[in-house]
């Protein structure tokens, strides 16, 4: 098992997760270069499962990825994750 750390906050990840041997820092860390952003998204989409933050980038990556989605609240299913992003006043 390997964990891929993909973020525009690579320094934060290296500071807090470098002690874990199974964590690999793969993200470009550059949110201003669309080519690098696309690479990061493609990398996440081809993963088996996703651990997400509250950002939309990780949300969309997890929805396109397939597999399980893990949040700070625990594992969630695709239907729950998709429906929780819709606010009734916007529909």
PDB file of N, CA and C in Angstrom:
ATOM      1  N   UNK A   1       0.846  -1.156   0.000  1.00  0.00           N
ATOM      2  CA  UNK A   1       0.000   0.000   0.000  1.00  0.00           C
ATOM      3  C   UNK A   1       0.899   1.229   0.000  1.00  0.00           C
ATOM      4  N   UNK A   2       0.509   2.214  -0.781  1.00  0.00           N
ATOM      5  CA  UNK A   2       1.241   3.485  -0.827  1.00  0.00           C
ATOM      6  C   UNK A   2       0.246   4.626  -0.759  1.00  0.00           C
ATOM      7  N   UNK A   3       0.648   5.700  -0.143  1.00  0.00           N
ATOM      8  CA  UNK A   3      -0.158   6.904  -0.071  1.00  0.00           C
ATOM      9  C   UNK A   3       0.516   7.981  -0.903  1.00  0.00           C
ATOM     10  N   UNK A   4      -0.238   8.586  -1.803  1.00  0.00           N
ATOM     11  CA  UNK A   4       0.288   9.671  -2.623  1.00  0.00           C
ATOM     12  C   UNK A   4      -0.189  10.989  -2.037  1.00  0.00           C
ATOM     13  N   UNK A   5       0.737  11.856  -1.745  1.00  0.00           N
ATOM     14  CA  UNK A   5       0.389  13.189  -1.247  1.00  0.00           C
ATOM     15  C   UNK A   5       0.427  14.127  -2.434  1.00  0.00           C
ATOM     16  N   UNK A   6      -0.740  14.642  -2.807  1.00  0.00           N
ATOM     17  CA  UNK A   6      -0.870  15.555  -3.946  1.00  0.00           C
ATOM     18  C   UNK A   6      -1.531  16.817  -3.422  1.00  0.00           C
ATOM     19  N   UNK A   7      -0.835  17.942  -3.546  1.00  0.00           N
ATOM     20  CA  UNK A   7      -1.349  19.168  -2.958  1.00  0.00           C
ATOM     21  C   UNK A   7      -0.631  20.380  -3.532  1.00  0.00           C
ATOM     22  N   UNK A   8      -1.251  21.539  -3.361  1.00  0.00           N
ATOM     23  CA  UNK A   8      -0.543  22.779  -3.660  1.00  0.00           C
ATOM     24  C   UNK A   8       0.160  23.282  -2.400  1.00  0.00           C
ATOM     25  N   UNK A   9       0.117  22.483  -1.350  1.00  0.00           N
ATOM     26  CA  UNK A   9       0.795  22.766  -0.081  1.00  0.00           C
ATOM     27  C   UNK A   9       1.803  21.649   0.213  1.00  0.00           C
ATOM     28  N   UNK A  10       2.739  21.452  -0.694  1.00  0.00           N
ATOM     29  CA  UNK A  10       3.696  20.357  -0.556  1.00  0.00           C
ATOM     30  C   UNK A  10       4.585  20.525   0.678  1.00  0.00           C
ATOM     31  N   UNK A  11       4.967  21.752   1.014  1.00  0.00           N
ATOM     32  CA  UNK A  11       5.822  21.979   2.184  1.00  0.00           C
ATOM     33  C   UNK A  11       5.129  21.515   3.464  1.00  0.00           C
ATOM     34  N   UNK A  12       3.828  21.766   3.551  1.00  0.00           N
ATOM     35  CA  UNK A  12       3.058  21.321   4.720  1.00  0.00           C
ATOM     36  C   UNK A  12       3.096  19.800   4.813  1.00  0.00           C
ATOM     37  N   UNK A  13       2.855  19.134   3.698  1.00  0.00           N
ATOM     38  CA  UNK A  13       2.844  17.673   3.696  1.00  0.00           C
ATOM     39  C   UNK A  13       4.184  17.079   4.081  1.00  0.00           C
ATOM     40  N   UNK A  14       5.254  17.650   3.534  1.00  0.00           N
ATOM     41  CA  UNK A  14       6.584  17.130   3.851  1.00  0.00           C
ATOM     42  C   UNK A  14       6.922  17.346   5.319  1.00  0.00           C
ATOM     43  N   UNK A  15       6.457  18.442   5.879  1.00  0.00           N
ATOM     44  CA  UNK A  15       6.715  18.722   7.291  1.00  0.00           C
ATOM     45  C   UNK A  15       5.995  17.727   8.206  1.00  0.00           C
ATOM     46  N   UNK A  16       4.758  17.399   7.855  1.00  0.00           N
ATOM     47  CA  UNK A  16       3.929  16.587   8.749  1.00  0.00           C
ATOM     48  C   UNK A  16       3.897  15.093   8.425  1.00  0.00           C
ATOM     49  N   UNK A  17       4.241  14.709   7.188  1.00  0.00           N
ATOM     50  CA  UNK A  17       4.086  13.306   6.796  1.00  0.00           C
ATOM     51  C   UNK A  17       5.370  12.618   6.367  1.00  0.00           C
ATOM     52  N   UNK A  18       6.503  13.305   6.368  1.00  0.00           N
ATOM     53  CA  UNK A  18       7.744  12.690   5.883  1.00  0.00           C
ATOM     54  C   UNK A  18       8.198  11.511   6.740  1.00  0.00           C
ATOM     55  N   UNK A  19       7.730  11.422   7.964  1.00  0.00           N
ATOM     56  CA  UNK A  19       8.135  10.327   8.844  1.00  0.00           C
ATOM     57  C   UNK A  19       7.500   8.987   8.458  1.00  0.00           C
ATOM     58  N   UNK A  20       6.472   9.010   7.619  1.00  0.00           N
ATOM     59  CA  UNK A  20       5.801   7.785   7.194  1.00  0.00           C
ATOM     60  C   UNK A  20       6.423   7.277   5.896  1.00  0.00           C
ATOM     61  N   UNK A  21       6.928   6.057   5.916  1.00  0.00           N
ATOM     62  CA  UNK A  21       7.652   5.533   4.752  1.00  0.00           C
ATOM     63  C   UNK A  21       6.748   5.257   3.550  1.00  0.00           C
ATOM     64  N   UNK A  22       5.446   5.087   3.778  1.00  0.00           N
ATOM     65  CA  UNK A  22       4.536   4.770   2.678  1.00  0.00           C
ATOM     66  C   UNK A  22       3.919   6.004   2.023  1.00  0.00           C
ATOM     67  N   UNK A  23       4.312   7.192   2.448  1.00  0.00           N
ATOM     68  CA  UNK A  23       3.789   8.429   1.861  1.00  0.00           C
ATOM     69  C   UNK A  23       4.772   8.919   0.804  1.00  0.00           C
ATOM     70  N   UNK A  24       4.253   9.114  -0.401  1.00  0.00           N
ATOM     71  CA  UNK A  24       5.068   9.581  -1.528  1.00  0.00           C
ATOM     72  C   UNK A  24       4.543  10.937  -1.983  1.00  0.00           C
ATOM     73  N   UNK A  25       5.418  11.881  -2.109  1.00  0.00           N
ATOM     74  CA  UNK A  25       5.040  13.248  -2.478  1.00  0.00           C
ATOM     75  C   UNK A  25       5.093  13.376  -3.998  1.00  0.00           C
ATOM     76  N   UNK A  26       3.913  13.327  -4.600  1.00  0.00           N
ATOM     77  CA  UNK A  26       3.823  13.249  -6.057  1.00  0.00           C
ATOM     78  C   UNK A  26       3.269  14.508  -6.710  1.00  0.00           C
ATOM     79  N   UNK A  27       2.607  15.337  -5.982  1.00  0.00           N
ATOM     80  CA  UNK A  27       1.973  16.512  -6.572  1.00  0.00           C
ATOM     81  C   UNK A  27       2.979  17.526  -7.063  1.00  0.00           C
ATOM     82  N   UNK A  28       2.577  18.323  -8.023  1.00  0.00           N
ATOM     83  CA  UNK A  28       3.466  19.354  -8.552  1.00  0.00           C
ATOM     84  C   UNK A  28       3.567  20.531  -7.591  1.00  0.00           C
ATOM     85  N   UNK A  29       2.522  20.745  -6.794  1.00  0.00           N
ATOM     86  CA  UNK A  29       2.537  21.842  -5.845  1.00  0.00           C
ATOM     87  C   UNK A  29       2.363  23.203  -6.481  1.00  0.00           C
ATOM     88  N   UNK A  30       1.989  23.232  -7.749  1.00  0.00           N
ATOM     89  CA  UNK A  30       1.855  24.498  -8.459  1.00  0.00           C
ATOM     90  C   UNK A  30       0.435  24.650  -8.981  1.00  0.00           C
ATOM     91  N   UNK A  31      -0.378  25.441  -8.275  1.00  0.00           N
ATOM     92  CA  UNK A  31      -1.757  25.656  -8.684  1.00  0.00           C
ATOM     93  C   UNK A  31      -1.920  26.700  -9.764  1.00  0.00           C
ATOM     94  N   UNK A  32      -0.832  27.323 -10.184  1.00  0.00           N
ATOM     95  CA  UNK A  32      -0.906  28.368 -11.205  1.00  0.00           C
ATOM     96  C   UNK A  32      -0.635  27.855 -12.611  1.00  0.00           C
ATOM     97  N   UNK A  33      -0.112  26.664 -12.742  1.00  0.00           N
ATOM     98  CA  UNK A  33       0.216  26.078 -14.037  1.00  0.00           C
ATOM     99  C   UNK A  33      -0.838  25.023 -14.368  1.00  0.00           C
ATOM    100  N   UNK A  34      -1.691  25.299 -15.345  1.00  0.00           N
ATOM    101  CA  UNK A  34      -2.800  24.392 -15.658  1.00  0.00           C
ATOM    102  C   UNK A  34      -2.332  23.006 -16.088  1.00  0.00           C
ATOM    103  N   UNK A  35      -1.182  22.917 -16.736  1.00  0.00           N
ATOM    104  CA  UNK A  35      -0.644  21.613 -17.121  1.00  0.00           C
ATOM    105  C   UNK A  35      -0.301  20.781 -15.895  1.00  0.00           C
ATOM    106  N   UNK A  36       0.268  21.423 -14.887  1.00  0.00           N
ATOM    107  CA  UNK A  36       0.623  20.711 -13.660  1.00  0.00           C
ATOM    108  C   UNK A  36      -0.616  20.377 -12.840  1.00  0.00           C
ATOM    109  N   UNK A  37      -1.592  21.256 -12.865  1.00  0.00           N
ATOM    110  CA  UNK A  37      -2.860  20.978 -12.186  1.00  0.00           C
ATOM    111  C   UNK A  37      -3.534  19.771 -12.832  1.00  0.00           C
ATOM    112  N   UNK A  38      -3.523  19.720 -14.164  1.00  0.00           N
ATOM    113  CA  UNK A  38      -4.117  18.587 -14.885  1.00  0.00           C
ATOM    114  C   UNK A  38      -3.382  17.286 -14.558  1.00  0.00           C
ATOM    115  N   UNK A  39      -2.054  17.357 -14.458  1.00  0.00           N
ATOM    116  CA  UNK A  39      -1.271  16.175 -14.087  1.00  0.00           C
ATOM    117  C   UNK A  39      -1.673  15.681 -12.700  1.00  0.00           C
ATOM    118  N   UNK A  40      -1.797  16.601 -11.755  1.00  0.00           N
ATOM    119  CA  UNK A  40      -2.189  16.229 -10.391  1.00  0.00           C
ATOM    120  C   UNK A  40      -3.573  15.586 -10.374  1.00  0.00           C
ATOM    121  N   UNK A  41      -4.517  16.154 -11.132  1.00  0.00           N
ATOM    122  CA  UNK A  41      -5.862  15.589 -11.198  1.00  0.00           C
ATOM    123  C   UNK A  41      -5.821  14.187 -11.804  1.00  0.00           C
ATOM    124  N   UNK A  42      -5.076  14.017 -12.883  1.00  0.00           N
ATOM    125  CA  UNK A  42      -4.970  12.702 -13.528  1.00  0.00           C
ATOM    126  C   UNK A  42      -4.361  11.677 -12.579  1.00  0.00           C
ATOM    127  N   UNK A  43      -3.371  12.086 -11.838  1.00  0.00           N
ATOM    128  CA  UNK A  43      -2.749  11.193 -10.862  1.00  0.00           C
ATOM    129  C   UNK A  43      -3.756  10.726  -9.820  1.00  0.00           C
ATOM    130  N   UNK A  44      -4.536  11.640  -9.301  1.00  0.00           N
ATOM    131  CA  UNK A  44      -5.536  11.291  -8.291  1.00  0.00           C
ATOM    132  C   UNK A  44      -6.667  10.439  -8.863  1.00  0.00           C
ATOM    133  N   UNK A  45      -7.089  10.750 -10.076  1.00  0.00           N
ATOM    134  CA  UNK A  45      -8.194  10.012 -10.698  1.00  0.00           C
ATOM    135  C   UNK A  45      -7.821   8.548 -10.930  1.00  0.00           C
ATOM    136  N   UNK A  46      -6.552   8.266 -11.119  1.00  0.00           N
ATOM    137  CA  UNK A  46      -6.111   6.899 -11.355  1.00  0.00           C
ATOM    138  C   UNK A  46      -5.750   6.157 -10.069  1.00  0.00           C
ATOM    139  N   UNK A  47      -6.042   6.750  -8.946  1.00  0.00           N
ATOM    140  CA  UNK A  47      -5.804   6.089  -7.660  1.00  0.00           C
ATOM    141  C   UNK A  47      -6.952   5.141  -7.346  1.00  0.00           C
ATOM    142  N   UNK A  48      -6.729   4.236  -6.418  1.00  0.00           N
ATOM    143  CA  UNK A  48      -7.773   3.284  -6.038  1.00  0.00           C
ATOM    144  C   UNK A  48      -8.792   3.883  -5.077  1.00  0.00           C
ATOM    145  N   UNK A  49      -8.331   4.695  -4.153  1.00  0.00           N
ATOM    146  CA  UNK A  49      -9.184   5.303  -3.142  1.00  0.00           C
ATOM    147  C   UNK A  49      -8.660   6.712  -2.884  1.00  0.00           C
ATOM    148  N   UNK A  50      -9.460   7.524  -2.201  1.00  0.00           N
ATOM    149  CA  UNK A  50      -9.074   8.918  -1.987  1.00  0.00           C
ATOM    150  C   UNK A  50      -9.332   9.334  -0.543  1.00  0.00           C
ATOM    151  N   UNK A  51      -8.364  10.036   0.020  1.00  0.00           N
ATOM    152  CA  UNK A  51      -8.546  10.721   1.300  1.00  0.00           C
ATOM    153  C   UNK A  51      -8.669  12.196   0.949  1.00  0.00           C
ATOM    154  N   UNK A  52      -9.796  12.796   1.299  1.00  0.00           N
ATOM    155  CA  UNK A  52     -10.073  14.150   0.823  1.00  0.00           C
ATOM    156  C   UNK A  52     -10.031  15.188   1.931  1.00  0.00           C
ATOM    157  N   UNK A  53      -9.736  16.402   1.507  1.00  0.00           N
ATOM    158  CA  UNK A  53      -9.869  17.562   2.380  1.00  0.00           C
ATOM    159  C   UNK A  53     -11.215  18.203   2.048  1.00  0.00           C
ATOM    160  N   UNK A  54     -11.424  19.432   2.447  1.00  0.00           N
ATOM    161  CA  UNK A  54     -12.697  20.084   2.170  1.00  0.00           C
ATOM    162  C   UNK A  54     -12.699  20.821   0.839  1.00  0.00           C
ATOM    163  N   UNK A  55     -11.623  20.775   0.102  1.00  0.00           N
ATOM    164  CA  UNK A  55     -11.546  21.514  -1.154  1.00  0.00           C
ATOM    165  C   UNK A  55     -12.260  20.839  -2.308  1.00  0.00           C
ATOM    166  N   UNK A  56     -12.606  21.618  -3.300  1.00  0.00           N
ATOM    167  CA  UNK A  56     -13.299  21.089  -4.470  1.00  0.00           C
ATOM    168  C   UNK A  56     -12.385  20.218  -5.326  1.00  0.00           C
ATOM    169  N   UNK A  57     -11.080  20.468  -5.322  1.00  0.00           N
ATOM    170  CA  UNK A  57     -10.147  19.666  -6.115  1.00  0.00           C
ATOM    171  C   UNK A  57     -10.158  18.215  -5.651  1.00  0.00           C
ATOM    172  N   UNK A  58     -10.066  18.009  -4.363  1.00  0.00           N
ATOM    173  CA  UNK A  58     -10.083  16.634  -3.854  1.00  0.00           C
ATOM    174  C   UNK A  58     -11.466  16.008  -4.007  1.00  0.00           C
ATOM    175  N   UNK A  59     -12.518  16.822  -3.891  1.00  0.00           N
ATOM    176  CA  UNK A  59     -13.869  16.296  -4.098  1.00  0.00           C
ATOM    177  C   UNK A  59     -14.013  15.734  -5.503  1.00  0.00           C
ATOM    178  N   UNK A  60     -13.661  16.522  -6.520  1.00  0.00           N
ATOM    179  CA  UNK A  60     -13.816  16.059  -7.901  1.00  0.00           C
ATOM    180  C   UNK A  60     -12.884  14.900  -8.211  1.00  0.00           C
ATOM    181  N   UNK A  61     -11.704  14.924  -7.674  1.00  0.00           N
ATOM    182  CA  UNK A  61     -10.793  13.800  -7.878  1.00  0.00           C
ATOM    183  C   UNK A  61     -11.394  12.517  -7.332  1.00  0.00           C
ATOM    184  N   UNK A  62     -11.984  12.597  -6.148  1.00  0.00           N
ATOM    185  CA  UNK A  62     -12.566  11.395  -5.538  1.00  0.00           C
ATOM    186  C   UNK A  62     -13.794  10.909  -6.305  1.00  0.00           C
ATOM    187  N   UNK A  63     -14.582  11.826  -6.839  1.00  0.00           N
ATOM    188  CA  UNK A  63     -15.770  11.422  -7.592  1.00  0.00           C
ATOM    189  C   UNK A  63     -15.389  10.757  -8.912  1.00  0.00           C
ATOM    190  N   UNK A  64     -14.303  11.200  -9.520  1.00  0.00           N
ATOM    191  CA  UNK A  64     -13.864  10.629 -10.792  1.00  0.00           C
ATOM    192  C   UNK A  64     -13.033   9.358 -10.604  1.00  0.00           C
ATOM    193  N   UNK A  65     -12.510   9.174  -9.427  1.00  0.00           N
ATOM    194  CA  UNK A  65     -11.588   8.081  -9.148  1.00  0.00           C
ATOM    195  C   UNK A  65     -12.271   6.725  -9.062  1.00  0.00           C
ATOM    196  N   UNK A  66     -13.397   6.657  -8.440  1.00  0.00           N
ATOM    197  CA  UNK A  66     -13.946   5.353  -8.089  1.00  0.00           C
ATOM    198  C   UNK A  66     -13.323   4.961  -6.763  1.00  0.00           C
ATOM    199  N   UNK A  67     -13.700   3.874  -6.216  1.00  0.00           N
ATOM    200  CA  UNK A  67     -13.121   3.467  -4.944  1.00  0.00           C
ATOM    201  C   UNK A  67     -13.748   4.205  -3.775  1.00  0.00           C
ATOM    202  N   UNK A  68     -13.190   3.974  -2.610  1.00  0.00           N
ATOM    203  CA  UNK A  68     -13.721   4.567  -1.390  1.00  0.00           C
ATOM    204  C   UNK A  68     -13.226   5.988  -1.215  1.00  0.00           C
ATOM    205  N   UNK A  69     -14.029   6.788  -0.532  1.00  0.00           N
ATOM    206  CA  UNK A  69     -13.684   8.173  -0.232  1.00  0.00           C
ATOM    207  C   UNK A  69     -13.631   8.304   1.290  1.00  0.00           C
ATOM    208  N   UNK A  70     -12.503   8.761   1.788  1.00  0.00           N
ATOM    209  CA  UNK A  70     -12.307   8.926   3.228  1.00  0.00           C
ATOM    210  C   UNK A  70     -12.226  10.405   3.565  1.00  0.00           C
ATOM    211  N   UNK A  71     -12.979  10.809   4.571  1.00  0.00           N
ATOM    212  CA  UNK A  71     -12.961  12.189   5.041  1.00  0.00           C
ATOM    213  C   UNK A  71     -12.547  12.192   6.502  1.00  0.00           C
ATOM    214  N   UNK A  72     -12.461  13.347   7.086  1.00  0.00           N
ATOM    215  CA  UNK A  72     -12.131  13.384   8.514  1.00  0.00           C
ATOM    216  C   UNK A  72     -13.263  12.801   9.358  1.00  0.00           C
ATOM    217  N   UNK A  73     -14.426  12.608   8.753  1.00  0.00           N
ATOM    218  CA  UNK A  73     -15.578  12.034   9.451  1.00  0.00           C
ATOM    219  C   UNK A  73     -15.695  10.532   9.234  1.00  0.00           C
ATOM    220  N   UNK A  74     -14.855   9.970   8.409  1.00  0.00           N
ATOM    221  CA  UNK A  74     -14.906   8.549   8.107  1.00  0.00           C
ATOM    222  C   UNK A  74     -15.149   8.316   6.631  1.00  0.00           C
ATOM    223  N   UNK A  75     -15.435   7.066   6.298  1.00  0.00           N
ATOM    224  CA  UNK A  75     -15.654   6.697   4.901  1.00  0.00           C
ATOM    225  C   UNK A  75     -17.063   7.109   4.475  1.00  0.00           C
ATOM    226  N   UNK A  76     -17.184   7.582   3.244  1.00  0.00           N
ATOM    227  CA  UNK A  76     -18.496   7.931   2.708  1.00  0.00           C
ATOM    228  C   UNK A  76     -18.664   7.293   1.340  1.00  0.00           C
ATOM    229  N   UNK A  77     -19.898   7.003   0.982  1.00  0.00           N
ATOM    230  CA  UNK A  77     -20.202   6.431  -0.316  1.00  0.00           C
ATOM    231  C   UNK A  77     -20.336   7.516  -1.369  1.00  0.00           C
ATOM    232  N   UNK A  78     -20.282   7.135  -2.616  1.00  0.00           N
ATOM    233  CA  UNK A  78     -20.382   8.103  -3.723  1.00  0.00           C
ATOM    234  C   UNK A  78     -21.709   8.854  -3.707  1.00  0.00           C
ATOM    235  N   UNK A  79     -22.801   8.179  -3.445  1.00  0.00           N
ATOM    236  CA  UNK A  79     -24.113   8.832  -3.454  1.00  0.00           C
ATOM    237  C   UNK A  79     -24.208   9.898  -2.371  1.00  0.00           C
ATOM    238  N   UNK A  80     -23.713   9.586  -1.190  1.00  0.00           N
ATOM    239  CA  UNK A  80     -23.729  10.555  -0.094  1.00  0.00           C
ATOM    240  C   UNK A  80     -22.843  11.737  -0.419  1.00  0.00           C
ATOM    241  N   UNK A  81     -21.656  11.471  -0.931  1.00  0.00           N
ATOM    242  CA  UNK A  81     -20.718  12.551  -1.249  1.00  0.00           C
ATOM    243  C   UNK A  81     -21.277  13.468  -2.326  1.00  0.00           C
ATOM    244  N   UNK A  82     -21.865  12.901  -3.347  1.00  0.00           N
ATOM    245  CA  UNK A  82     -22.406  13.701  -4.439  1.00  0.00           C
ATOM    246  C   UNK A  82     -23.578  14.546  -3.955  1.00  0.00           C
ATOM    247  N   UNK A  83     -24.489  13.951  -3.212  1.00  0.00           N
ATOM    248  CA  UNK A  83     -25.668  14.682  -2.746  1.00  0.00           C
ATOM    249  C   UNK A  83     -25.326  15.742  -1.708  1.00  0.00           C
ATOM    250  N   UNK A  84     -24.287  15.539  -0.913  1.00  0.00           N
ATOM    251  CA  UNK A  84     -23.960  16.498   0.127  1.00  0.00           C
ATOM    252  C   UNK A  84     -23.396  17.795  -0.441  1.00  0.00           C
ATOM    253  N   UNK A  85     -22.950  17.781  -1.683  1.00  0.00           N
ATOM    254  CA  UNK A  85     -22.399  18.989  -2.286  1.00  0.00           C
ATOM    255  C   UNK A  85     -23.479  19.892  -2.870  1.00  0.00           C
ATOM    256  N   UNK A  86     -24.674  19.379  -3.045  1.00  0.00           N
ATOM    257  CA  UNK A  86     -25.752  20.190  -3.602  1.00  0.00           C
ATOM    258  C   UNK A  86     -26.512  20.908  -2.498  1.00  0.00           C
ATOM    259  N   UNK A  87     -26.707  22.168  -2.683  1.00  0.00           N
ATOM    260  CA  UNK A  87     -27.483  22.969  -1.735  1.00  0.00           C
ATOM    261  C   UNK A  87     -28.835  23.234  -2.399  1.00  0.00           C
ATOM    262  N   UNK A  88     -29.912  23.010  -1.675  1.00  0.00           N
ATOM    263  CA  UNK A  88     -31.242  23.072  -2.288  1.00  0.00           C
ATOM    264  C   UNK A  88     -31.552  24.448  -2.881  1.00  0.00           C
ATOM    265  N   UNK A  89     -30.981  25.512  -2.354  1.00  0.00           N
ATOM    266  CA  UNK A  89     -31.284  26.838  -2.890  1.00  0.00           C
ATOM    267  C   UNK A  89     -30.638  27.074  -4.257  1.00  0.00           C
ATOM    268  N   UNK A  90     -29.678  26.248  -4.639  1.00  0.00           N
ATOM    269  CA  UNK A  90     -29.014  26.403  -5.927  1.00  0.00           C
ATOM    270  C   UNK A  90     -29.624  25.520  -7.002  1.00  0.00           C
ATOM    271  N   UNK A  91     -30.563  24.677  -6.649  1.00  0.00           N
ATOM    272  CA  UNK A  91     -31.098  23.722  -7.614  1.00  0.00           C
ATOM    273  C   UNK A  91     -32.362  24.239  -8.261  1.00  0.00           C
TER     274      UNK A  91
END
